[in-house]
N, C-alpha and C. Protein backbone atom coordinates (compact mmCIF):
# COMPACT_ATOMS: atom_id res chain seq x y z
N MET A 1 -6.95 -9.93 15.35
CA MET A 1 -6.35 -11.22 15.23
C MET A 1 -6.53 -11.95 16.56
N ASP A 2 -6.93 -13.20 16.50
CA ASP A 2 -7.09 -13.94 17.75
C ASP A 2 -5.76 -14.56 18.17
N ASP A 3 -5.73 -15.10 19.38
CA ASP A 3 -4.50 -15.65 19.94
C ASP A 3 -4.01 -16.89 19.21
N LYS A 4 -4.88 -17.55 18.45
CA LYS A 4 -4.49 -18.79 17.77
C LYS A 4 -4.01 -18.57 16.35
N THR A 5 -4.00 -17.33 15.90
CA THR A 5 -3.55 -17.03 14.56
C THR A 5 -2.03 -17.17 14.48
N ASN A 6 -1.56 -17.90 13.50
CA ASN A 6 -0.12 -18.02 13.29
C ASN A 6 0.37 -16.80 12.53
N LEU A 7 1.38 -16.15 13.08
CA LEU A 7 1.95 -14.97 12.44
C LEU A 7 3.17 -15.37 11.64
N VAL A 8 3.36 -14.69 10.51
CA VAL A 8 4.48 -14.95 9.63
C VAL A 8 5.21 -13.63 9.40
N PHE A 9 6.54 -13.69 9.46
CA PHE A 9 7.37 -12.51 9.23
C PHE A 9 7.23 -12.06 7.79
N LEU A 10 7.01 -10.77 7.60
CA LEU A 10 6.88 -10.21 6.25
C LEU A 10 8.11 -9.38 5.88
N ARG A 11 8.52 -8.49 6.79
CA ARG A 11 9.62 -7.58 6.46
C ARG A 11 10.09 -6.87 7.73
N SER A 12 11.32 -6.38 7.70
CA SER A 12 11.80 -5.56 8.81
C SER A 12 12.21 -4.18 8.30
N PHE A 13 12.25 -3.24 9.21
CA PHE A 13 12.55 -1.84 8.88
C PHE A 13 13.54 -1.29 9.90
N VAL A 14 14.47 -0.47 9.43
CA VAL A 14 15.46 0.12 10.32
C VAL A 14 14.86 1.30 11.09
N TRP A 15 14.10 2.13 10.38
CA TRP A 15 13.57 3.36 10.97
C TRP A 15 12.04 3.33 10.99
N PRO A 16 11.43 3.93 12.01
CA PRO A 16 9.96 3.91 12.12
C PRO A 16 9.23 4.51 10.91
N HIS A 17 9.74 5.58 10.32
CA HIS A 17 9.04 6.21 9.21
C HIS A 17 8.96 5.30 7.98
N GLU A 18 9.82 4.30 7.89
CA GLU A 18 9.86 3.44 6.71
C GLU A 18 8.63 2.54 6.60
N TYR A 19 8.04 2.18 7.70
CA TYR A 19 6.93 1.22 7.64
C TYR A 19 5.55 1.87 7.66
N TYR A 20 5.43 3.13 8.02
CA TYR A 20 4.11 3.74 8.16
C TYR A 20 3.25 3.63 6.91
N THR A 21 3.81 3.97 5.76
CA THR A 21 2.99 3.96 4.54
C THR A 21 2.65 2.54 4.10
N LEU A 22 3.61 1.61 4.22
CA LEU A 22 3.33 0.22 3.85
C LEU A 22 2.28 -0.37 4.78
N ARG A 23 2.41 -0.10 6.05
CA ARG A 23 1.42 -0.60 7.02
C ARG A 23 0.02 -0.07 6.69
N SER A 24 -0.07 1.21 6.40
CA SER A 24 -1.37 1.81 6.04
C SER A 24 -1.93 1.19 4.77
N PHE A 25 -1.05 0.97 3.78
CA PHE A 25 -1.47 0.38 2.51
C PHE A 25 -2.01 -1.04 2.73
N LEU A 26 -1.30 -1.84 3.50
CA LEU A 26 -1.75 -3.21 3.77
C LEU A 26 -3.07 -3.21 4.54
N GLU A 27 -3.16 -2.39 5.56
CA GLU A 27 -4.38 -2.35 6.37
C GLU A 27 -5.57 -1.84 5.56
N SER A 28 -5.33 -0.91 4.63
CA SER A 28 -6.43 -0.42 3.80
C SER A 28 -6.90 -1.48 2.80
N ASN A 29 -6.09 -2.51 2.60
CA ASN A 29 -6.45 -3.63 1.73
C ASN A 29 -6.87 -4.86 2.53
N GLY A 30 -7.19 -4.66 3.80
CA GLY A 30 -7.75 -5.73 4.61
C GLY A 30 -6.74 -6.66 5.27
N ILE A 31 -5.47 -6.30 5.27
CA ILE A 31 -4.44 -7.13 5.90
C ILE A 31 -4.13 -6.56 7.28
N GLU A 32 -4.35 -7.35 8.30
CA GLU A 32 -4.01 -6.91 9.65
C GLU A 32 -2.52 -7.12 9.87
N VAL A 33 -1.86 -6.11 10.42
CA VAL A 33 -0.41 -6.12 10.60
C VAL A 33 -0.08 -6.06 12.08
N VAL A 34 0.93 -6.82 12.48
CA VAL A 34 1.44 -6.79 13.84
C VAL A 34 2.90 -6.36 13.76
N MET A 35 3.27 -5.36 14.55
CA MET A 35 4.63 -4.86 14.56
C MET A 35 5.30 -5.25 15.87
N LEU A 36 6.54 -5.73 15.79
CA LEU A 36 7.32 -6.04 16.98
C LEU A 36 8.51 -5.10 17.06
N ASP A 37 8.84 -4.68 18.25
CA ASP A 37 9.96 -3.78 18.55
C ASP A 37 9.74 -2.36 18.02
N GLU A 38 8.52 -2.05 17.66
CA GLU A 38 8.19 -0.71 17.17
C GLU A 38 8.44 0.35 18.24
N MET A 39 7.97 0.11 19.44
CA MET A 39 8.10 1.09 20.51
C MET A 39 9.56 1.25 20.94
N THR A 40 10.29 0.15 20.98
CA THR A 40 11.70 0.20 21.36
C THR A 40 12.48 1.10 20.41
N ILE A 41 12.27 0.92 19.11
CA ILE A 41 13.00 1.72 18.11
C ILE A 41 12.52 3.16 18.11
N THR A 42 11.25 3.38 18.37
CA THR A 42 10.73 4.75 18.44
C THR A 42 11.39 5.50 19.60
N ILE A 43 11.57 4.81 20.72
CA ILE A 43 12.18 5.44 21.89
C ILE A 43 13.68 5.61 21.72
N ASP A 44 14.35 4.58 21.19
CA ASP A 44 15.80 4.64 21.01
C ASP A 44 16.18 4.12 19.63
N PRO A 45 16.15 4.97 18.62
CA PRO A 45 16.40 4.54 17.24
C PRO A 45 17.77 3.89 17.03
N LEU A 46 18.73 4.21 17.86
CA LEU A 46 20.07 3.65 17.68
C LEU A 46 20.13 2.15 18.01
N LEU A 47 19.10 1.62 18.63
CA LEU A 47 19.05 0.17 18.91
C LEU A 47 18.59 -0.64 17.70
N SER A 48 18.14 0.02 16.67
CA SER A 48 17.53 -0.67 15.54
C SER A 48 18.39 -1.79 14.97
N ASN A 49 19.63 -1.49 14.63
CA ASN A 49 20.50 -2.52 14.07
C ASN A 49 20.81 -3.62 15.07
N ALA A 50 20.91 -3.27 16.33
CA ALA A 50 21.26 -4.25 17.36
C ALA A 50 20.17 -5.30 17.56
N ILE A 51 18.90 -4.91 17.40
CA ILE A 51 17.81 -5.87 17.65
C ILE A 51 17.12 -6.32 16.36
N GLY A 52 17.67 -5.94 15.24
CA GLY A 52 17.10 -6.41 13.97
C GLY A 52 15.97 -5.56 13.43
N GLY A 53 15.86 -4.34 13.90
CA GLY A 53 14.86 -3.41 13.39
C GLY A 53 13.45 -3.69 13.87
N ILE A 54 12.52 -3.03 13.23
CA ILE A 54 11.09 -3.20 13.52
C ILE A 54 10.59 -4.32 12.61
N LYS A 55 9.96 -5.31 13.19
CA LYS A 55 9.53 -6.47 12.41
C LYS A 55 8.03 -6.43 12.14
N MET A 56 7.67 -6.65 10.88
CA MET A 56 6.28 -6.65 10.45
C MET A 56 5.83 -8.09 10.24
N TYR A 57 4.73 -8.44 10.89
CA TYR A 57 4.17 -9.78 10.77
C TYR A 57 2.72 -9.68 10.29
N VAL A 58 2.29 -10.70 9.57
CA VAL A 58 0.90 -10.82 9.13
C VAL A 58 0.43 -12.22 9.45
N ALA A 59 -0.87 -12.42 9.42
CA ALA A 59 -1.43 -13.75 9.63
C ALA A 59 -0.99 -14.67 8.51
N GLU A 60 -0.76 -15.92 8.83
CA GLU A 60 -0.28 -16.89 7.85
C GLU A 60 -1.20 -16.97 6.63
N HIS A 61 -2.52 -16.91 6.87
CA HIS A 61 -3.46 -17.01 5.75
C HIS A 61 -3.47 -15.75 4.87
N ASP A 62 -2.89 -14.64 5.35
CA ASP A 62 -2.82 -13.39 4.58
C ASP A 62 -1.46 -13.17 3.93
N PHE A 63 -0.50 -14.07 4.17
CA PHE A 63 0.87 -13.84 3.74
C PHE A 63 1.00 -13.65 2.23
N ASP A 64 0.42 -14.52 1.42
CA ASP A 64 0.56 -14.41 -0.03
C ASP A 64 -0.02 -13.09 -0.55
N LYS A 65 -1.20 -12.74 -0.05
CA LYS A 65 -1.82 -11.48 -0.48
C LYS A 65 -0.97 -10.29 -0.02
N ALA A 66 -0.47 -10.34 1.21
CA ALA A 66 0.36 -9.25 1.73
C ALA A 66 1.64 -9.11 0.93
N ASN A 67 2.23 -10.23 0.55
CA ASN A 67 3.47 -10.20 -0.23
C ASN A 67 3.23 -9.58 -1.60
N LYS A 68 2.13 -9.93 -2.25
CA LYS A 68 1.80 -9.34 -3.55
C LYS A 68 1.52 -7.84 -3.42
N LEU A 69 0.80 -7.47 -2.37
CA LEU A 69 0.52 -6.05 -2.14
C LEU A 69 1.81 -5.27 -1.86
N MET A 70 2.73 -5.90 -1.13
CA MET A 70 3.99 -5.24 -0.83
C MET A 70 4.80 -5.03 -2.11
N GLU A 71 4.80 -6.00 -3.01
CA GLU A 71 5.48 -5.85 -4.30
C GLU A 71 4.86 -4.72 -5.11
N GLU A 72 3.53 -4.66 -5.11
CA GLU A 72 2.82 -3.58 -5.81
C GLU A 72 3.18 -2.23 -5.21
N PHE A 73 3.22 -2.16 -3.90
CA PHE A 73 3.56 -0.94 -3.19
C PHE A 73 4.96 -0.47 -3.57
N GLU A 74 5.92 -1.39 -3.56
CA GLU A 74 7.31 -1.03 -3.89
C GLU A 74 7.43 -0.57 -5.34
N LEU A 75 6.72 -1.24 -6.25
CA LEU A 75 6.75 -0.85 -7.65
C LEU A 75 6.18 0.55 -7.84
N ASN A 76 5.05 0.83 -7.21
CA ASN A 76 4.45 2.17 -7.28
C ASN A 76 5.36 3.23 -6.67
N LYS A 77 6.03 2.87 -5.59
CA LYS A 77 6.94 3.79 -4.93
C LYS A 77 8.11 4.14 -5.86
N GLU A 78 8.66 3.14 -6.53
CA GLU A 78 9.77 3.38 -7.46
C GLU A 78 9.31 4.25 -8.63
N GLN A 79 8.13 3.99 -9.17
CA GLN A 79 7.61 4.77 -10.29
C GLN A 79 7.41 6.23 -9.87
N ASN A 80 6.88 6.43 -8.67
CA ASN A 80 6.66 7.79 -8.19
C ASN A 80 7.98 8.53 -7.99
N GLU A 81 9.01 7.82 -7.52
CA GLU A 81 10.32 8.45 -7.33
C GLU A 81 10.94 8.84 -8.67
N GLU A 82 10.74 8.01 -9.71
CA GLU A 82 11.27 8.31 -11.03
C GLU A 82 10.59 9.55 -11.63
N GLU A 83 9.31 9.70 -11.36
CA GLU A 83 8.55 10.83 -11.90
C GLU A 83 8.90 12.13 -11.21
N SER A 84 9.42 12.06 -10.00
CA SER A 84 9.73 13.28 -9.23
C SER A 84 10.98 13.95 -9.70
């Protein structure tokens, strides 16, 4: 992503393990992801609620596609949990 790309907030996460699979899924579908406060929460997880968690951002032009992929991801996750 270049410096002139406008980033748009997609979602936040309380714990680091929550975003790994979604991040991988988005990136495997061509969506570049930027995480903010990831390192802070990894070092001190108890700060998560105080600073609003780990924030996931995508490029503005990728937002609609990322949002649809995120919905697909959540639906698949729920179906897999029901089957288990």
